[in-house]
Amino acid sequence: MCHQFSHQFSPHQFSPSFLGNKLLTNPAQHALIIKTTKSYYNKKFISAQEGGQDMVVKRIFHNPSFIILFFLLFLISFLAKASNLPNSSSNFSPYWHQRASLFRLLPDTPGEIIFLGDSLTDGCDWAEIFQDWRVKNRGISGDTTAGVIARLDEVVSSKPAKIFLMVGVNDLAQGKNPADIINNIKLIVKKIKISSPQTKIYLQSLLPVNPSFPIFPDHVNKASQIKQINQVLQRDAPRLKAAFINLYDSFATSEGYLKSELTNDGLHLTGKGYLLWKSLIEVYLKTNP
């Protein structure tokens, strides 16, 4: 069995380039390595039992090939986890890449006012609605807190005057817990502060949702989590040196749901909803940073 294993997987195949480029993208081969390794050492264990427990330990842990294989399996696990980090751009949609690549090619301009977030931000022509050409839309439909973190370098490259941030509802739809979402939002704020200390940051509350619309079931059933996130952001905004804008109350019914006259799917806004949003933040747009 040992000879067979050596024949199938020569030493050069366990180089980092092989592990990074081939093994992690070939689950069948990965599984074969683990199966073969287990089979080999199970036989070693059985054959050593007659020599007692000490013999088992010596035969396994003093065997150089076991140490090498143990290290390789550990490295495989580490690289697999690294490839799935939240800010790995390979996790994002084609549309995310389309928009992010465009943003990187657009010229920076002085005094930019950036709207940063997901489809709710993406869905409005902010420069036109405010009649202010300093305003830039950096919303990407479907984006998450991890997606914003992954492209934040482009956002802060112009040292913008102001950033209006709203993101997190897609994280909830993906099953992320509110605490992790809050931590990511705080990380976004901290990264902006480090890269562009003079930028004024406005943390906009998440908007309510309306479960009477069935189109986005994984989004519109998160009313309680949205309220939880907003409460923490409002509490912690002064500590983060950010301004919190409570949009939620103006968009919500007395039951805490997105008003039906402002949406046609329970999640996104109609034109009337965007005009309400504009009216609530216009004062912050016009004040000096």
C-alpha atoms as a PDB file:
ATOM      1  CA  MET A   1       0.000   0.000   0.000  1.00  0.00           C
ATOM      2  CA  CYS A   2       2.843   2.402   0.799  1.00  0.00           C
ATOM      3  CA  HIS A   3       4.413   1.716  -2.590  1.00  0.00           C
ATOM      4  CA  GLN A   4       1.066   2.269  -4.297  1.00  0.00           C
ATOM      5  CA  PHE A   5       0.587   5.604  -2.531  1.00  0.00           C
ATOM      6  CA  SER A   6       4.070   6.789  -3.529  1.00  0.00           C
ATOM      7  CA  HIS A   7       3.445   5.798  -7.097  1.00  0.00           C
ATOM      8  CA  GLN A   8       0.153   7.639  -7.359  1.00  0.00           C
ATOM      9  CA  PHE A   9       1.322  10.855  -5.690  1.00  0.00           C
ATOM     10  CA  SER A  10       4.929  11.756  -6.271  1.00  0.00           C
ATOM     11  CA  PRO A  11       6.653  14.172  -3.814  1.00  0.00           C
ATOM     12  CA  HIS A  12       6.638  17.152  -6.200  1.00  0.00           C
ATOM     13  CA  GLN A  13       2.847  17.004  -6.276  1.00  0.00           C
ATOM     14  CA  PHE A  14       2.679  18.138  -2.660  1.00  0.00           C
ATOM     15  CA  SER A  15       4.318  21.497  -3.416  1.00  0.00           C
ATOM     16  CA  PRO A  16       2.347  24.612  -2.371  1.00  0.00           C
ATOM     17  CA  SER A  17       1.506  25.347  -5.990  1.00  0.00           C
ATOM     18  CA  PHE A  18      -0.004  21.871  -6.377  1.00  0.00           C
ATOM     19  CA  LEU A  19      -1.981  22.239  -3.166  1.00  0.00           C
ATOM     20  CA  GLY A  20      -3.216  25.696  -4.090  1.00  0.00           C
ATOM     21  CA  ASN A  21      -3.992  25.108  -7.759  1.00  0.00           C
ATOM     22  CA  LYS A  22      -4.959  21.479  -8.062  1.00  0.00           C
ATOM     23  CA  LEU A  23      -5.805  19.708  -4.840  1.00  0.00           C
ATOM     24  CA  LEU A  24      -8.232  22.240  -3.469  1.00  0.00           C
ATOM     25  CA  THR A  25     -10.098  22.334  -6.768  1.00  0.00           C
ATOM     26  CA  ASN A  26     -10.183  18.552  -7.150  1.00  0.00           C
ATOM     27  CA  PRO A  27     -12.242  17.093  -4.288  1.00  0.00           C
ATOM     28  CA  ALA A  28     -12.034  13.560  -5.666  1.00  0.00           C
ATOM     29  CA  GLN A  29      -8.243  13.536  -5.547  1.00  0.00           C
ATOM     30  CA  HIS A  30      -8.299  15.164  -2.111  1.00  0.00           C
ATOM     31  CA  ALA A  31     -10.626  12.443  -0.864  1.00  0.00           C
ATOM     32  CA  LEU A  32      -8.440   9.732  -2.410  1.00  0.00           C
ATOM     33  CA  ILE A  33      -5.369  11.030  -0.565  1.00  0.00           C
ATOM     34  CA  ILE A  34      -7.199  11.040   2.761  1.00  0.00           C
ATOM     35  CA  LYS A  35      -8.732   7.590   2.142  1.00  0.00           C
ATOM     36  CA  THR A  36      -5.387   6.101   1.135  1.00  0.00           C
ATOM     37  CA  THR A  37      -3.654   7.676   4.127  1.00  0.00           C
ATOM     38  CA  LYS A  38      -6.256   6.365   6.544  1.00  0.00           C
ATOM     39  CA  SER A  39      -6.080   2.871   5.028  1.00  0.00           C
ATOM     40  CA  TYR A  40      -2.290   2.827   5.240  1.00  0.00           C
ATOM     41  CA  TYR A  41      -2.147   3.886   8.879  1.00  0.00           C
ATOM     42  CA  ASN A  42      -5.047   1.690   9.934  1.00  0.00           C
ATOM     43  CA  LYS A  43      -3.029  -1.295   8.715  1.00  0.00           C
ATOM     44  CA  LYS A  44       0.064  -0.011  10.526  1.00  0.00           C
ATOM     45  CA  PHE A  45      -2.006   0.368  13.692  1.00  0.00           C
ATOM     46  CA  ILE A  46      -3.395  -3.165  13.478  1.00  0.00           C
ATOM     47  CA  SER A  47      -0.012  -4.724  12.733  1.00  0.00           C
ATOM     48  CA  ALA A  48       1.532  -2.915  15.691  1.00  0.00           C
ATOM     49  CA  GLN A  49      -1.115  -3.900  18.235  1.00  0.00           C
ATOM     50  CA  GLU A  50       0.720  -7.099  19.109  1.00  0.00           C
ATOM     51  CA  GLY A  51       3.625  -4.982  20.353  1.00  0.00           C
ATOM     52  CA  GLY A  52       1.416  -3.089  22.810  1.00  0.00           C
ATOM     53  CA  GLN A  53       0.397   0.550  23.080  1.00  0.00           C
ATOM     54  CA  ASP A  54       3.964   1.876  23.174  1.00  0.00           C
ATOM     55  CA  MET A  55       4.720   0.082  19.944  1.00  0.00           C
ATOM     56  CA  VAL A  56       1.637   1.653  18.308  1.00  0.00           C
ATOM     57  CA  VAL A  57       2.752   5.140  19.286  1.00  0.00           C
ATOM     58  CA  LYS A  58       6.303   4.585  18.128  1.00  0.00           C
ATOM     59  CA  ARG A  59       5.295   3.007  14.814  1.00  0.00           C
ATOM     60  CA  ILE A  60       2.963   5.891  13.991  1.00  0.00           C
ATOM     61  CA  PHE A  61       4.450   9.042  15.463  1.00  0.00           C
ATOM     62  CA  HIS A  62       8.093   8.160  14.856  1.00  0.00           C
ATOM     63  CA  ASN A  63       7.389   7.432  11.223  1.00  0.00           C
ATOM     64  CA  PRO A  64       8.643  10.387   9.098  1.00  0.00           C
ATOM     65  CA  SER A  65       6.021   9.784   6.412  1.00  0.00           C
ATOM     66  CA  PHE A  66       3.255  10.150   8.999  1.00  0.00           C
ATOM     67  CA  ILE A  67       4.628  13.520  10.109  1.00  0.00           C
ATOM     68  CA  ILE A  68       4.855  14.703   6.497  1.00  0.00           C
ATOM     69  CA  LEU A  69       1.344  13.559   5.695  1.00  0.00           C
ATOM     70  CA  PHE A  70      -0.035  15.075   8.881  1.00  0.00           C
ATOM     71  CA  PHE A  71       1.549  18.400   7.957  1.00  0.00           C
ATOM     72  CA  LEU A  72       0.206  18.198   4.403  1.00  0.00           C
ATOM     73  CA  LEU A  73      -3.328  17.499   5.570  1.00  0.00           C
ATOM     74  CA  PHE A  74      -3.084  20.432   7.982  1.00  0.00           C
ATOM     75  CA  LEU A  75      -1.850  22.658   5.152  1.00  0.00           C
ATOM     76  CA  ILE A  76      -4.689  21.488   2.894  1.00  0.00           C
ATOM     77  CA  SER A  77      -7.218  22.393   5.563  1.00  0.00           C
ATOM     78  CA  PHE A  78      -5.620  25.801   6.115  1.00  0.00           C
ATOM     79  CA  LEU A  79      -5.553  26.646   2.400  1.00  0.00           C
ATOM     80  CA  ALA A  80      -9.139  25.503   1.951  1.00  0.00           C
ATOM     81  CA  LYS A  81     -10.273  27.830   4.729  1.00  0.00           C
ATOM     82  CA  ALA A  82      -8.163  30.682   3.359  1.00  0.00           C
ATOM     83  CA  SER A  83      -9.790  30.325  -0.037  1.00  0.00           C
ATOM     84  CA  ASN A  84     -13.223  30.814   1.594  1.00  0.00           C
ATOM     85  CA  LEU A  85     -12.508  33.949   3.599  1.00  0.00           C
ATOM     86  CA  PRO A  86     -15.425  36.403   3.567  1.00  0.00           C
ATOM     87  CA  ASN A  87     -13.523  39.049   1.642  1.00  0.00           C
ATOM     88  CA  SER A  88     -12.273  36.678  -1.049  1.00  0.00           C
ATOM     89  CA  SER A  89     -13.563  38.231  -4.273  1.00  0.00           C
ATOM     90  CA  SER A  90     -14.098  34.756  -5.758  1.00  0.00           C
ATOM     91  CA  ASN A  91     -17.176  34.478  -3.506  1.00  0.00           C
ATOM     92  CA  PHE A  92     -19.012  37.324  -5.215  1.00  0.00           C
ATOM     93  CA  SER A  93     -21.408  37.387  -8.146  1.00  0.00           C
ATOM     94  CA  PRO A  94     -20.579  38.291 -11.766  1.00  0.00           C
ATOM     95  CA  TYR A  95     -22.565  41.490 -11.274  1.00  0.00           C
ATOM     96  CA  TRP A  96     -20.427  42.367  -8.242  1.00  0.00           C
ATOM     97  CA  HIS A  97     -17.295  41.993 -10.385  1.00  0.00           C
ATOM     98  CA  GLN A  98     -18.829  43.995 -13.235  1.00  0.00           C
ATOM     99  CA  ARG A  99     -19.666  46.922 -10.984  1.00  0.00           C
ATOM    100  CA  ALA A 100     -16.472  46.770  -8.927  1.00  0.00           C
ATOM    101  CA  SER A 101     -14.314  46.701 -12.068  1.00  0.00           C
ATOM    102  CA  LEU A 102     -16.161  49.749 -13.432  1.00  0.00           C
ATOM    103  CA  PHE A 103     -15.733  51.659 -10.185  1.00  0.00           C
ATOM    104  CA  ARG A 104     -11.985  51.081 -10.333  1.00  0.00           C
ATOM    105  CA  LEU A 105     -11.787  52.605 -13.812  1.00  0.00           C
ATOM    106  CA  LEU A 106     -13.823  55.720 -13.047  1.00  0.00           C
ATOM    107  CA  PRO A 107     -11.756  58.819 -12.225  1.00  0.00           C
ATOM    108  CA  ASP A 108     -11.540  60.158  -8.699  1.00  0.00           C
ATOM    109  CA  THR A 109     -12.850  63.684  -8.242  1.00  0.00           C
ATOM    110  CA  PRO A 110     -12.409  66.167  -5.382  1.00  0.00           C
ATOM    111  CA  GLY A 111     -15.007  66.286  -2.629  1.00  0.00           C
ATOM    112  CA  GLU A 112     -16.839  63.099  -3.566  1.00  0.00           C
ATOM    113  CA  ILE A 113     -19.989  62.157  -1.663  1.00  0.00           C
ATOM    114  CA  ILE A 114     -20.329  58.405  -1.866  1.00  0.00           C
ATOM    115  CA  PHE A 115     -23.401  56.269  -1.361  1.00  0.00           C
ATOM    116  CA  LEU A 116     -22.151  52.806  -0.424  1.00  0.00           C
ATOM    117  CA  GLY A 117     -24.209  49.645  -0.075  1.00  0.00           C
ATOM    118  CA  ASP A 118     -26.298  46.989  -1.787  1.00  0.00           C
ATOM    119  CA  SER A 119     -29.300  46.975  -4.150  1.00  0.00           C
ATOM    120  CA  LEU A 120     -31.154  49.612  -2.132  1.00  0.00           C
ATOM    121  CA  THR A 121     -28.296  52.019  -2.853  1.00  0.00           C
ATOM    122  CA  ASP A 122     -27.693  50.677  -6.360  1.00  0.00           C
ATOM    123  CA  GLY A 123     -31.325  51.300  -7.302  1.00  0.00           C
ATOM    124  CA  CYS A 124     -31.217  55.099  -7.161  1.00  0.00           C
ATOM    125  CA  ASP A 125     -29.578  57.719  -9.349  1.00  0.00           C
ATOM    126  CA  TRP A 126     -28.254  59.711  -6.424  1.00  0.00           C
ATOM    127  CA  ALA A 127     -26.444  62.378  -8.427  1.00  0.00           C
ATOM    128  CA  GLU A 128     -29.599  63.180 -10.373  1.00  0.00           C
ATOM    129  CA  ILE A 129     -31.975  63.018  -7.439  1.00  0.00           C
ATOM    130  CA  PHE A 130     -29.822  65.535  -5.549  1.00  0.00           C
ATOM    131  CA  GLN A 131     -28.728  67.431  -8.656  1.00  0.00           C
ATOM    132  CA  ASP A 132     -25.197  67.248  -7.273  1.00  0.00           C
ATOM    133  CA  TRP A 133     -22.471  65.771  -9.477  1.00  0.00           C
ATOM    134  CA  ARG A 134     -20.120  65.235  -6.558  1.00  0.00           C
ATOM    135  CA  VAL A 135     -22.410  62.371  -5.552  1.00  0.00           C
ATOM    136  CA  LYS A 136     -21.237  58.897  -6.594  1.00  0.00           C
ATOM    137  CA  ASN A 137     -23.229  55.669  -6.446  1.00  0.00           C
ATOM    138  CA  ARG A 138     -21.146  52.787  -5.123  1.00  0.00           C
ATOM    139  CA  GLY A 139     -24.038  50.406  -4.532  1.00  0.00           C
ATOM    140  CA  ILE A 140     -23.936  46.843  -5.835  1.00  0.00           C
ATOM    141  CA  SER A 141     -27.100  44.764  -5.906  1.00  0.00           C
ATOM    142  CA  GLY A 142     -26.722  41.684  -3.725  1.00  0.00           C
ATOM    143  CA  ASP A 143     -23.716  43.048  -1.858  1.00  0.00           C
ATOM    144  CA  THR A 144     -22.897  42.169   1.726  1.00  0.00           C
ATOM    145  CA  THR A 145     -20.685  43.586   4.442  1.00  0.00           C
ATOM    146  CA  ALA A 146     -17.903  41.268   3.242  1.00  0.00           C
ATOM    147  CA  GLY A 147     -18.339  42.542  -0.311  1.00  0.00           C
ATOM    148  CA  VAL A 148     -18.035  46.140   0.812  1.00  0.00           C
ATOM    149  CA  ILE A 149     -14.882  45.322   2.770  1.00  0.00           C
ATOM    150  CA  ALA A 150     -13.381  43.629  -0.296  1.00  0.00           C
ATOM    151  CA  ARG A 151     -13.795  46.750  -2.460  1.00  0.00           C
ATOM    152  CA  LEU A 152     -13.331  49.437   0.156  1.00  0.00           C
ATOM    153  CA  ASP A 153      -9.901  50.461  -1.139  1.00  0.00           C
ATOM    154  CA  GLU A 154     -11.514  51.856  -4.292  1.00  0.00           C
ATOM    155  CA  VAL A 155     -14.126  53.727  -2.264  1.00  0.00           C
ATOM    156  CA  VAL A 156     -11.582  55.554  -0.100  1.00  0.00           C
ATOM    157  CA  SER A 157      -8.986  56.134  -2.826  1.00  0.00           C
ATOM    158  CA  SER A 158     -10.455  59.587  -3.607  1.00  0.00           C
ATOM    159  CA  LYS A 159     -10.461  60.589   0.078  1.00  0.00           C
ATOM    160  CA  PRO A 160     -14.194  61.376  -0.184  1.00  0.00           C
ATOM    161  CA  ALA A 161     -15.769  64.182   1.782  1.00  0.00           C
ATOM    162  CA  LYS A 162     -18.675  62.001   2.930  1.00  0.00           C
ATOM    163  CA  ILE A 163     -19.778  58.377   2.814  1.00  0.00           C
ATOM    164  CA  PHE A 164     -23.389  57.316   3.351  1.00  0.00           C
ATOM    165  CA  LEU A 165     -23.352  53.619   4.267  1.00  0.00           C
ATOM    166  CA  MET A 166     -26.194  51.117   4.373  1.00  0.00           C
ATOM    167  CA  VAL A 167     -25.494  47.391   4.158  1.00  0.00           C
ATOM    168  CA  GLY A 168     -26.426  44.168   5.966  1.00  0.00           C
ATOM    169  CA  VAL A 169     -29.817  42.895   4.825  1.00  0.00           C
ATOM    170  CA  ASN A 170     -28.259  40.452   2.338  1.00  0.00           C
ATOM    171  CA  ASP A 171     -26.034  39.118   5.126  1.00  0.00           C
ATOM    172  CA  LEU A 172     -29.191  38.338   7.082  1.00  0.00           C
ATOM    173  CA  ALA A 173     -30.709  36.585   4.066  1.00  0.00           C
ATOM    174  CA  GLN A 174     -27.569  34.421   3.879  1.00  0.00           C
ATOM    175  CA  GLY A 175     -28.038  33.340   7.488  1.00  0.00           C
ATOM    176  CA  LYS A 176     -25.382  35.549   9.092  1.00  0.00           C
ATOM    177  CA  ASN A 177     -26.075  36.488  12.688  1.00  0.00           C
ATOM    178  CA  PRO A 178     -26.560  40.146  13.657  1.00  0.00           C
ATOM    179  CA  ALA A 179     -23.448  40.251  15.844  1.00  0.00           C
ATOM    180  CA  ASP A 180     -21.185  39.323  12.923  1.00  0.00           C
ATOM    181  CA  ILE A 181     -22.894  41.848  10.652  1.00  0.00           C
ATOM    182  CA  ILE A 182     -22.464  44.597  13.235  1.00  0.00           C
ATOM    183  CA  ASN A 183     -18.781  43.716  13.632  1.00  0.00           C
ATOM    184  CA  ASN A 184     -18.276  43.925   9.874  1.00  0.00           C
ATOM    185  CA  ILE A 185     -20.016  47.294   9.678  1.00  0.00           C
ATOM    186  CA  LYS A 186     -17.787  48.563  12.472  1.00  0.00           C
ATOM    187  CA  LEU A 187     -14.774  47.213  10.601  1.00  0.00           C
ATOM    188  CA  ILE A 188     -15.847  49.133   7.485  1.00  0.00           C
ATOM    189  CA  VAL A 189     -16.046  52.334   9.517  1.00  0.00           C
ATOM    190  CA  LYS A 190     -12.643  51.733  11.102  1.00  0.00           C
ATOM    191  CA  LYS A 191     -11.028  51.013   7.731  1.00  0.00           C
ATOM    192  CA  ILE A 192     -12.454  54.218   6.279  1.00  0.00           C
ATOM    193  CA  LYS A 193     -11.143  56.175   9.257  1.00  0.00           C
ATOM    194  CA  ILE A 194      -7.662  54.727   8.821  1.00  0.00           C
ATOM    195  CA  SER A 195      -7.470  55.314   5.058  1.00  0.00           C
ATOM    196  CA  SER A 196      -9.310  58.639   4.935  1.00  0.00           C
ATOM    197  CA  PRO A 197      -9.453  60.260   8.385  1.00  0.00           C
ATOM    198  CA  GLN A 198     -11.191  63.423   7.158  1.00  0.00           C
ATOM    199  CA  THR A 199     -14.136  61.564   5.593  1.00  0.00           C
ATOM    200  CA  LYS A 200     -17.434  62.105   7.386  1.00  0.00           C
ATOM    201  CA  ILE A 201     -19.243  58.764   7.795  1.00  0.00           C
ATOM    202  CA  TYR A 202     -23.014  58.478   7.991  1.00  0.00           C
ATOM    203  CA  LEU A 203     -24.327  55.151   9.238  1.00  0.00           C
ATOM    204  CA  GLN A 204     -27.811  54.843   7.816  1.00  0.00           C
ATOM    205  CA  SER A 205     -30.130  52.449   9.603  1.00  0.00           C
ATOM    206  CA  LEU A 206     -31.246  49.342   7.774  1.00  0.00           C
ATOM    207  CA  LEU A 207     -34.704  49.774   6.302  1.00  0.00           C
ATOM    208  CA  PRO A 208     -37.667  47.686   7.448  1.00  0.00           C
ATOM    209  CA  VAL A 209     -38.995  44.831   5.299  1.00  0.00           C
ATOM    210  CA  ASN A 210     -42.513  43.643   4.589  1.00  0.00           C
ATOM    211  CA  PRO A 211     -43.278  39.889   4.815  1.00  0.00           C
ATOM    212  CA  SER A 212     -46.635  40.237   3.049  1.00  0.00           C
ATOM    213  CA  PHE A 213     -44.678  40.178  -0.220  1.00  0.00           C
ATOM    214  CA  PRO A 214     -43.436  36.635  -1.096  1.00  0.00           C
ATOM    215  CA  ILE A 215     -40.739  37.528  -3.644  1.00  0.00           C
ATOM    216  CA  PHE A 216     -37.761  37.646  -1.238  1.00  0.00           C
ATOM    217  CA  PRO A 217     -38.733  35.260   1.592  1.00  0.00           C
ATOM    218  CA  ASP A 218     -35.222  35.050   3.064  1.00  0.00           C
ATOM    219  CA  HIS A 219     -35.044  38.831   3.368  1.00  0.00           C
ATOM    220  CA  VAL A 220     -38.513  39.899   4.448  1.00  0.00           C
ATOM    221  CA  ASN A 221     -38.631  37.581   7.480  1.00  0.00           C
ATOM    222  CA  LYS A 222     -35.771  39.393   9.236  1.00  0.00           C
ATOM    223  CA  ALA A 223     -37.705  42.231  10.880  1.00  0.00           C
ATOM    224  CA  SER A 224     -36.494  41.533  14.433  1.00  0.00           C
ATOM    225  CA  GLN A 225     -32.832  41.135  13.393  1.00  0.00           C
ATOM    226  CA  ILE A 226     -32.958  44.418  11.465  1.00  0.00           C
ATOM    227  CA  LYS A 227     -34.224  46.234  14.565  1.00  0.00           C
ATOM    228  CA  GLN A 228     -31.475  44.627  16.643  1.00  0.00           C
ATOM    229  CA  ILE A 229     -28.737  45.774  14.247  1.00  0.00           C
ATOM    230  CA  ASN A 230     -30.129  49.306  14.116  1.00  0.00           C
ATOM    231  CA  GLN A 231     -30.260  49.586  17.895  1.00  0.00           C
ATOM    232  CA  VAL A 232     -26.615  48.595  18.271  1.00  0.00           C
ATOM    233  CA  LEU A 233     -25.429  50.861  15.457  1.00  0.00           C
ATOM    234  CA  GLN A 234     -27.285  53.819  16.925  1.00  0.00           C
ATOM    235  CA  ARG A 235     -25.794  53.126  20.344  1.00  0.00           C
ATOM    236  CA  ASP A 236     -22.229  52.660  19.095  1.00  0.00           C
ATOM    237  CA  ALA A 237     -22.060  55.317  16.352  1.00  0.00           C
ATOM    238  CA  PRO A 238     -20.628  58.066  18.644  1.00  0.00           C
ATOM    239  CA  ARG A 239     -17.884  55.712  19.780  1.00  0.00           C
ATOM    240  CA  LEU A 240     -17.059  55.018  16.115  1.00  0.00           C
ATOM    241  CA  LYS A 241     -17.020  58.766  15.376  1.00  0.00           C
ATOM    242  CA  ALA A 242     -19.804  58.267  12.839  1.00  0.00           C
ATOM    243  CA  ALA A 243     -23.216  59.915  12.554  1.00  0.00           C
ATOM    244  CA  PHE A 244     -26.230  57.614  12.769  1.00  0.00           C
ATOM    245  CA  ILE A 245     -29.240  58.435  10.584  1.00  0.00           C
ATOM    246  CA  ASN A 246     -32.485  56.796  11.628  1.00  0.00           C
ATOM    247  CA  LEU A 247     -34.309  56.097   8.360  1.00  0.00           C
ATOM    248  CA  TYR A 248     -36.141  53.104   9.798  1.00  0.00           C
ATOM    249  CA  ASP A 249     -38.858  54.937  11.708  1.00  0.00           C
ATOM    250  CA  SER A 250     -39.992  56.957   8.684  1.00  0.00           C
ATOM    251  CA  PHE A 251     -40.255  53.864   6.483  1.00  0.00           C
ATOM    252  CA  ALA A 252     -41.934  51.556   9.016  1.00  0.00           C
ATOM    253  CA  THR A 253     -45.561  50.993   9.889  1.00  0.00           C
ATOM    254  CA  SER A 254     -46.660  50.857  13.516  1.00  0.00           C
ATOM    255  CA  GLU A 255     -46.090  47.078  13.311  1.00  0.00           C
ATOM    256  CA  GLY A 256     -42.495  47.605  12.178  1.00  0.00           C
ATOM    257  CA  TYR A 257     -42.922  46.624   8.514  1.00  0.00           C
ATOM    258  CA  LEU A 258     -41.920  48.516   5.379  1.00  0.00           C
ATOM    259  CA  LYS A 259     -44.865  50.649   4.284  1.00  0.00           C
ATOM    260  CA  SER A 260     -46.577  49.018   1.315  1.00  0.00           C
ATOM    261  CA  GLU A 261     -46.874  52.321  -0.559  1.00  0.00           C
ATOM    262  CA  LEU A 262     -43.054  52.568  -0.642  1.00  0.00           C
ATOM    263  CA  THR A 263     -42.312  49.106  -2.079  1.00  0.00           C
ATOM    264  CA  ASN A 264     -43.587  46.581  -4.607  1.00  0.00           C
ATOM    265  CA  ASP A 265     -41.664  43.542  -3.369  1.00  0.00           C
ATOM    266  CA  GLY A 266     -41.291  44.007   0.402  1.00  0.00           C
ATOM    267  CA  LEU A 267     -37.586  44.791   0.187  1.00  0.00           C
ATOM    268  CA  HIS A 268     -36.755  47.349  -2.501  1.00  0.00           C
ATOM    269  CA  LEU A 269     -38.110  50.855  -2.885  1.00  0.00           C
ATOM    270  CA  THR A 270     -40.313  52.491  -5.469  1.00  0.00           C
ATOM    271  CA  GLY A 271     -39.669  56.054  -6.612  1.00  0.00           C
ATOM    272  CA  LYS A 272     -41.760  57.375  -3.747  1.00  0.00           C
ATOM    273  CA  GLY A 273     -39.524  55.518  -1.301  1.00  0.00           C
ATOM    274  CA  TYR A 274     -36.376  57.079  -2.748  1.00  0.00           C
ATOM    275  CA  LEU A 275     -37.891  60.557  -2.553  1.00  0.00           C
ATOM    276  CA  LEU A 276     -38.606  59.939   1.133  1.00  0.00           C
ATOM    277  CA  TRP A 277     -35.030  58.753   1.636  1.00  0.00           C
ATOM    278  CA  LYS A 278     -33.757  61.900  -0.090  1.00  0.00           C
ATOM    279  CA  SER A 279     -35.844  64.141   2.158  1.00  0.00           C
ATOM    280  CA  LEU A 280     -34.427  62.493   5.288  1.00  0.00           C
ATOM    281  CA  ILE A 281     -30.754  62.868   4.413  1.00  0.00           C
ATOM    282  CA  GLU A 282     -30.650  66.037   2.345  1.00  0.00           C
ATOM    283  CA  VAL A 283     -29.671  68.142   5.332  1.00  0.00           C
ATOM    284  CA  TYR A 284     -26.600  65.939   5.918  1.00  0.00           C
ATOM    285  CA  LEU A 285     -25.604  66.191   2.268  1.00  0.00           C
ATOM    286  CA  LYS A 286     -25.610  69.989   2.312  1.00  0.00           C
ATOM    287  CA  THR A 287     -23.801  70.571   5.601  1.00  0.00           C
ATOM    288  CA  ASN A 288     -20.026  70.914   5.679  1.00  0.00           C
ATOM    289  CA  PRO A 289     -18.176  67.700   6.650  1.00  0.00           C
END
